[in-house]
Every structure is written in structure tokens, then in C-alpha cells.
Amino acid sequence: MQRTGASSPKLVPADVLANLNSGQDETVNLSETLAMDFSALWMAVIGGECDGLAAGGVTGRMAAAGSAMGERWAEFRDHQSDTVRGGLVTLG
């Protein structure tokens, strides 16, 4: 069954948010993206801290994540999380 997504970041169910924050699922709408904890996602995926995730909005966070991937970008190009794959766009 396909999720339709919450109408507000505050309404994203805890189980969905946990899957998004761990990189196990794709977002289905902007509310889910805004609800995500980017620091938790990158800690789970990259395995370390990522500077710049607290500021700059979604685009700034994606750029910081792309920089953190660095030379390891190929590991993430087919990642199941669209947010992780989106970080790669900032490298080009």
C-alpha cells in the first residue's frame, strides 16, 4: 500500500519518521522531508557527523550532506532514501 503522506510535518507518524530518519524509506511529500531529522539520517547512512545540517533549509542541508559524502558518492547513488540520493545532486 502506498503512503499518501501527512498534510503537515507535525502529523508524520512516528514509525514513518523513524524509517525516514534511518534512510530505510523514501519521502512521499514535502511534509515528510521537513519533518525529517537530517542529522539522524546522515549519522545512520554516512556513519558520522555532518557539519551544516542545522541551518540553511532543505537545500543547504542537502549540500552539506553531499559534501560529507565526498569521494564515497558512488556508495549512495542507488540508496533507497530519496533524500540521500538528493544529496548527490549537490555534488554536480
C-alpha atoms as a PDB file:
ATOM      1  CA  MET A   1       0.000   0.000   0.000  1.00  0.00           C
ATOM      2  CA  GLN A   2       1.372   3.384  -0.971  1.00  0.00           C
ATOM      3  CA  ARG A   3       1.548   6.174   1.619  1.00  0.00           C
ATOM      4  CA  THR A   4      -0.053   9.476   0.764  1.00  0.00           C
ATOM      5  CA  GLY A   5       1.945  11.415   3.342  1.00  0.00           C
ATOM      6  CA  ALA A   6       0.897  13.696   6.151  1.00  0.00           C
ATOM      7  CA  SER A   7      -0.548  17.139   5.497  1.00  0.00           C
ATOM      8  CA  SER A   8       1.868  18.724   7.989  1.00  0.00           C
ATOM      9  CA  PRO A   9       5.344  17.821   9.302  1.00  0.00           C
ATOM     10  CA  LYS A  10       3.836  17.528  12.797  1.00  0.00           C
ATOM     11  CA  LEU A  11       1.436  14.839  11.562  1.00  0.00           C
ATOM     12  CA  VAL A  12       4.024  12.411  10.159  1.00  0.00           C
ATOM     13  CA  PRO A  13       3.533   9.145  12.088  1.00  0.00           C
ATOM     14  CA  ALA A  14       6.401   8.140  14.386  1.00  0.00           C
ATOM     15  CA  ASP A  15       7.061   4.856  12.559  1.00  0.00           C
ATOM     16  CA  VAL A  16       7.267   6.607   9.186  1.00  0.00           C
ATOM     17  CA  LEU A  17       9.580   9.254  10.626  1.00  0.00           C
ATOM     18  CA  ALA A  18      11.820   6.590  12.154  1.00  0.00           C
ATOM     19  CA  ASN A  19      12.157   4.894   8.742  1.00  0.00           C
ATOM     20  CA  LEU A  20      12.903   8.211   7.031  1.00  0.00           C
ATOM     21  CA  ASN A  21      15.478   9.217   9.648  1.00  0.00           C
ATOM     22  CA  SER A  22      17.274   5.898   9.300  1.00  0.00           C
ATOM     23  CA  GLY A  23      17.336   6.003   5.485  1.00  0.00           C
ATOM     24  CA  GLN A  24      15.073   2.990   5.108  1.00  0.00           C
ATOM     25  CA  ASP A  25      12.346   4.726   3.133  1.00  0.00           C
ATOM     26  CA  GLU A  26      11.653   7.479   0.599  1.00  0.00           C
ATOM     27  CA  THR A  27       9.647  10.580   1.376  1.00  0.00           C
ATOM     28  CA  VAL A  28       6.295  10.906  -0.369  1.00  0.00           C
ATOM     29  CA  ASN A  29       5.745  14.627   0.121  1.00  0.00           C
ATOM     30  CA  LEU A  30       7.315  17.837   1.366  1.00  0.00           C
ATOM     31  CA  SER A  31       5.827  17.462   4.853  1.00  0.00           C
ATOM     32  CA  GLU A  32       7.858  14.298   5.375  1.00  0.00           C
ATOM     33  CA  THR A  33      11.027  15.989   4.136  1.00  0.00           C
ATOM     34  CA  LEU A  34      10.504  18.900   6.501  1.00  0.00           C
ATOM     35  CA  ALA A  35       9.807  16.570   9.440  1.00  0.00           C
ATOM     36  CA  MET A  36      12.999  14.570   8.974  1.00  0.00           C
ATOM     37  CA  ASP A  37      15.985  14.823  11.292  1.00  0.00           C
ATOM     38  CA  PHE A  38      18.785  15.268   8.760  1.00  0.00           C
ATOM     39  CA  SER A  39      21.460  14.760  11.422  1.00  0.00           C
ATOM     40  CA  ALA A  40      19.986  11.382  12.366  1.00  0.00           C
ATOM     41  CA  LEU A  41      19.706  10.390   8.698  1.00  0.00           C
ATOM     42  CA  TRP A  42      23.299  11.204   7.862  1.00  0.00           C
ATOM     43  CA  MET A  43      24.585   9.599  11.059  1.00  0.00           C
ATOM     44  CA  ALA A  44      22.739   6.403  10.079  1.00  0.00           C
ATOM     45  CA  VAL A  45      23.800   6.487   6.427  1.00  0.00           C
ATOM     46  CA  ILE A  46      27.285   8.002   6.429  1.00  0.00           C
ATOM     47  CA  GLY A  47      28.199   6.807   9.890  1.00  0.00           C
ATOM     48  CA  GLY A  48      29.467  10.116  11.189  1.00  0.00           C
ATOM     49  CA  GLU A  49      28.710  13.715  11.938  1.00  0.00           C
ATOM     50  CA  CYS A  50      27.894  16.073   9.103  1.00  0.00           C
ATOM     51  CA  ASP A  51      28.507  19.784   9.636  1.00  0.00           C
ATOM     52  CA  GLY A  52      25.964  22.274   8.336  1.00  0.00           C
ATOM     53  CA  LEU A  53      22.789  20.279   8.854  1.00  0.00           C
ATOM     54  CA  ALA A  54      21.276  22.632  11.405  1.00  0.00           C
ATOM     55  CA  ALA A  55      20.900  25.634   9.113  1.00  0.00           C
ATOM     56  CA  GLY A  56      20.287  26.581   5.515  1.00  0.00           C
ATOM     57  CA  GLY A  57      16.930  24.957   4.902  1.00  0.00           C
ATOM     58  CA  VAL A  58      16.479  21.733   2.959  1.00  0.00           C
ATOM     59  CA  THR A  59      18.733  22.797   0.076  1.00  0.00           C
ATOM     60  CA  GLY A  60      21.526  23.833   2.421  1.00  0.00           C
ATOM     61  CA  ARG A  61      21.245  20.569   4.329  1.00  0.00           C
ATOM     62  CA  MET A  62      21.407  18.586   1.096  1.00  0.00           C
ATOM     63  CA  ALA A  63      24.539  20.480   0.040  1.00  0.00           C
ATOM     64  CA  ALA A  64      26.173  19.769   3.404  1.00  0.00           C
ATOM     65  CA  ALA A  65      25.284  16.095   3.070  1.00  0.00           C
ATOM     66  CA  GLY A  66      26.665  15.952  -0.464  1.00  0.00           C
ATOM     67  CA  SER A  67      29.930  17.410   0.784  1.00  0.00           C
ATOM     68  CA  ALA A  68      30.038  14.826   3.575  1.00  0.00           C
ATOM     69  CA  MET A  69      29.687  12.020   1.026  1.00  0.00           C
ATOM     70  CA  GLY A  70      32.763  13.268  -0.766  1.00  0.00           C
ATOM     71  CA  GLU A  71      34.659  10.512  -2.529  1.00  0.00           C
ATOM     72  CA  ARG A  72      32.178   7.925  -1.248  1.00  0.00           C
ATOM     73  CA  TRP A  73      29.372   9.250  -3.501  1.00  0.00           C
ATOM     74  CA  ALA A  74      29.176   6.036  -5.562  1.00  0.00           C
ATOM     75  CA  GLU A  75      28.090   4.118  -2.452  1.00  0.00           C
ATOM     76  CA  PHE A  76      24.946   6.229  -2.275  1.00  0.00           C
ATOM     77  CA  ARG A  77      23.780   6.676  -5.873  1.00  0.00           C
ATOM     78  CA  ASP A  78      21.265   3.805  -5.637  1.00  0.00           C
ATOM     79  CA  HIS A  79      20.334   4.361  -1.987  1.00  0.00           C
ATOM     80  CA  GLN A  80      16.712   3.629  -1.075  1.00  0.00           C
ATOM     81  CA  SER A  81      16.327   7.073   0.530  1.00  0.00           C
ATOM     82  CA  ASP A  82      15.479   9.793  -1.977  1.00  0.00           C
ATOM     83  CA  THR A  83      16.934  12.333   0.450  1.00  0.00           C
ATOM     84  CA  VAL A  84      20.291  10.565   0.396  1.00  0.00           C
ATOM     85  CA  ARG A  85      20.243  10.380  -3.400  1.00  0.00           C
ATOM     86  CA  GLY A  86      19.270  14.054  -3.480  1.00  0.00           C
ATOM     87  CA  GLY A  87      22.474  14.926  -1.647  1.00  0.00           C
ATOM     88  CA  LEU A  88      24.362  13.638  -4.681  1.00  0.00           C
ATOM     89  CA  VAL A  89      22.756  16.265  -6.916  1.00  0.00           C
ATOM     90  CA  THR A  90      24.608  18.947  -4.996  1.00  0.00           C
ATOM     91  CA  LEU A  91      27.954  17.415  -5.980  1.00  0.00           C
ATOM     92  CA  GLY A  92      27.482  18.141  -9.691  1.00  0.00           C
END
